[in-house]
C-alpha atoms as a PDB file:
ATOM      1  CA  MET A   1     139.723 100.437  98.938  1.00  0.00           C
ATOM      2  CA  GLN A   2     143.006  99.896  97.178  1.00  0.00           C
ATOM      3  CA  CYS A   3     146.223  99.007  99.019  1.00  0.00           C
ATOM      4  CA  LEU A   4     149.461 100.260  97.543  1.00  0.00           C
ATOM      5  CA  LYS A   5     153.144  99.504  97.912  1.00  0.00           C
ATOM      6  CA  LYS A   6     156.095 101.557  96.772  1.00  0.00           C
ATOM      7  CA  GLY A   7     157.859  99.966  93.813  1.00  0.00           C
ATOM      8  CA  CYS A   8     161.595 100.031  93.059  1.00  0.00           C
ATOM      9  CA  ASP A   9     161.092 102.985  90.726  1.00  0.00           C
ATOM     10  CA  GLY A  10     159.507 105.061  93.512  1.00  0.00           C
ATOM     11  CA  HIS A  11     155.979 104.810  92.132  1.00  0.00           C
ATOM     12  CA  TYR A  12     153.146 103.181  94.029  1.00  0.00           C
ATOM     13  CA  GLU A  13     151.497 100.062  92.644  1.00  0.00           C
ATOM     14  CA  PRO A  14     148.397  98.123  93.747  1.00  0.00           C
ATOM     15  CA  ILE A  15     148.842  95.169  96.091  1.00  0.00           C
ATOM     16  CA  CYS A  16     145.179  94.235  96.289  1.00  0.00           C
ATOM     17  CA  THR A  17     141.803  95.782  95.615  1.00  0.00           C
ATOM     18  CA  THR A  18     139.824  94.049  98.349  1.00  0.00           C
ATOM     19  CA  CYS A  19     141.696  95.154 101.489  1.00  0.00           C
ATOM     20  CA  GLU A  20     139.335  95.597 104.389  1.00  0.00           C
ATOM     21  CA  VAL A  21     140.188  97.711 107.411  1.00  0.00           C
ATOM     22  CA  PRO A  22     138.431  96.410 110.544  1.00  0.00           C
ATOM     23  CA  LYS A  23     136.061  98.861 112.238  1.00  0.00           C
ATOM     24  CA  TRP A  24     134.705  99.001 115.795  1.00  0.00           C
ATOM     25  CA  ILE A  25     131.163  97.604 116.138  1.00  0.00           C
ATOM     26  CA  LYS A  26     128.959  98.468 119.127  1.00  0.00           C
ATOM     27  CA  CYS A  27     127.806  95.402 121.055  1.00  0.00           C
ATOM     28  CA  THR A  28     124.373  97.016 121.348  1.00  0.00           C
ATOM     29  CA  GLU A  29     124.116  97.038 117.534  1.00  0.00           C
ATOM     30  CA  ARG A  30     125.501  93.595 116.700  1.00  0.00           C
ATOM     31  CA  LEU A  31     127.465  90.724 118.215  1.00  0.00           C
ATOM     32  CA  PRO A  32     129.770  88.421 116.262  1.00  0.00           C
ATOM     33  CA  ILE A  33     128.228  85.586 114.282  1.00  0.00           C
ATOM     34  CA  ILE A  34     130.579  82.634 114.254  1.00  0.00           C
ATOM     35  CA  GLU A  35     130.430  79.107 112.894  1.00  0.00           C
ATOM     36  CA  ASP A  36     133.273  77.631 114.955  1.00  0.00           C
ATOM     37  CA  TYR A  37     133.144  76.887 118.686  1.00  0.00           C
ATOM     38  CA  ARG A  38     134.985  80.155 119.409  1.00  0.00           C
ATOM     39  CA  LYS A  39     136.864  82.839 117.512  1.00  0.00           C
ATOM     40  CA  ALA A  40     139.306  85.587 118.523  1.00  0.00           C
ATOM     41  CA  PHE A  41     138.361  89.274 118.284  1.00  0.00           C
ATOM     42  CA  ILE A  42     139.718  92.577 119.527  1.00  0.00           C
ATOM     43  CA  VAL A  43     137.446  94.069 122.191  1.00  0.00           C
ATOM     44  CA  TYR A  44     137.151  97.471 123.870  1.00  0.00           C
ATOM     45  CA  GLY A  45     135.513  98.184 127.190  1.00  0.00           C
ATOM     46  CA  SER A  46     135.738  98.967 130.876  1.00  0.00           C
ATOM     47  CA  PRO A  47     137.774  96.706 133.221  1.00  0.00           C
ATOM     48  CA  SER A  48     135.740  94.844 135.822  1.00  0.00           C
ATOM     49  CA  CYS A  49     138.533  94.562 138.396  1.00  0.00           C
ATOM     50  CA  GLY A  50     140.146  97.199 140.547  1.00  0.00           C
ATOM     51  CA  SER A  51     140.400  99.964 137.953  1.00  0.00           C
ATOM     52  CA  HIS A  52     138.674 103.284 137.989  1.00  0.00           C
ATOM     53  CA  SER A  53     135.341 103.222 136.198  1.00  0.00           C
ATOM     54  CA  SER A  54     136.664 105.817 133.737  1.00  0.00           C
ATOM     55  CA  ASP A  55     139.450 103.477 132.532  1.00  0.00           C
ATOM     56  CA  PHE A  56     139.003 101.679 129.237  1.00  0.00           C
ATOM     57  CA  CYS A  57     141.162  99.050 127.605  1.00  0.00           C
ATOM     58  CA  VAL A  58     141.640  97.130 124.384  1.00  0.00           C
ATOM     59  CA  MET A  59     142.447  93.419 124.470  1.00  0.00           C
ATOM     60  CA  GLU A  60     142.030  90.153 122.618  1.00  0.00           C
ATOM     61  CA  ALA A  61     139.090  87.978 123.622  1.00  0.00           C
ATOM     62  CA  TYR A  62     137.404  84.862 122.315  1.00  0.00           C
ATOM     63  CA  TYR A  63     133.726  85.013 121.431  1.00  0.00           C
ATOM     64  CA  HIS A  64     131.953  81.717 122.068  1.00  0.00           C
ATOM     65  CA  LYS A  65     129.165  80.294 119.993  1.00  0.00           C
ATOM     66  CA  ASP A  66     127.122  80.309 123.237  1.00  0.00           C
ATOM     67  CA  GLY A  67     127.147  84.134 123.147  1.00  0.00           C
ATOM     68  CA  TYR A  68     129.826  85.410 125.524  1.00  0.00           C
ATOM     69  CA  PHE A  69     133.393  86.763 125.447  1.00  0.00           C
ATOM     70  CA  GLU A  70     136.168  84.829 127.210  1.00  0.00           C
ATOM     71  CA  PHE A  71     139.397  86.524 128.212  1.00  0.00           C
ATOM     72  CA  GLY A  72     141.718  83.526 128.542  1.00  0.00           C
ATOM     73  CA  GLU A  73     144.567  83.773 131.038  1.00  0.00           C
ATOM     74  CA  TYR A  74     143.934  87.386 132.048  1.00  0.00           C
ATOM     75  CA  ASP A  75     143.222  88.044 135.714  1.00  0.00           C
ATOM     76  CA  CYS A  76     140.635  90.574 134.721  1.00  0.00           C
ATOM     77  CA  SER A  77     137.769  90.680 132.274  1.00  0.00           C
ATOM     78  CA  ILE A  78     136.165  93.758 130.793  1.00  0.00           C
ATOM     79  CA  LEU A  79     132.621  94.880 130.178  1.00  0.00           C
ATOM     80  CA  VAL A  80     132.812  94.788 126.382  1.00  0.00           C
ATOM     81  CA  THR A  81     131.196  97.754 124.634  1.00  0.00           C
ATOM     82  CA  HIS A  82     132.762  97.353 121.157  1.00  0.00           C
ATOM     83  CA  TRP A  83     134.451  94.609 119.134  1.00  0.00           C
ATOM     84  CA  MET A  84     136.170  94.147 115.781  1.00  0.00           C
ATOM     85  CA  LYS A  85     137.560  91.338 113.656  1.00  0.00           C
ATOM     86  CA  LEU A  86     141.270  90.680 113.768  1.00  0.00           C
ATOM     87  CA  PRO A  87     143.070  91.873 110.633  1.00  0.00           C
ATOM     88  CA  GLU A  88     144.259  89.306 108.122  1.00  0.00           C
ATOM     89  CA  PRO A  89     147.729  87.915 108.940  1.00  0.00           C
ATOM     90  CA  PRO A  90     150.687  89.088 106.836  1.00  0.00           C
ATOM     91  CA  LYS A  91     151.117  87.299 103.510  1.00  0.00           C
ATOM     92  CA  GLU A  92     154.930  87.428 103.608  1.00  0.00           C
END
């Protein structure tokens, strides 16, 4: 994949050639492999508190080396069905 930016002359020029767009991964297919104690990911799933079972949400969660997602200060956790890496932070 090639990322482009619009130059001053109106033409597009390459920014990088290794840009990676995160994709959703099913938890039944693969869970994160991490080297640190915990790492942040974006997760998708069904809330486990007070919502209708048909509701789904997206939120940040930490995946622990011990094999579980932690939801930090949220009052509610979710039954995670999918996850993805966070995108790289802006360079500028």
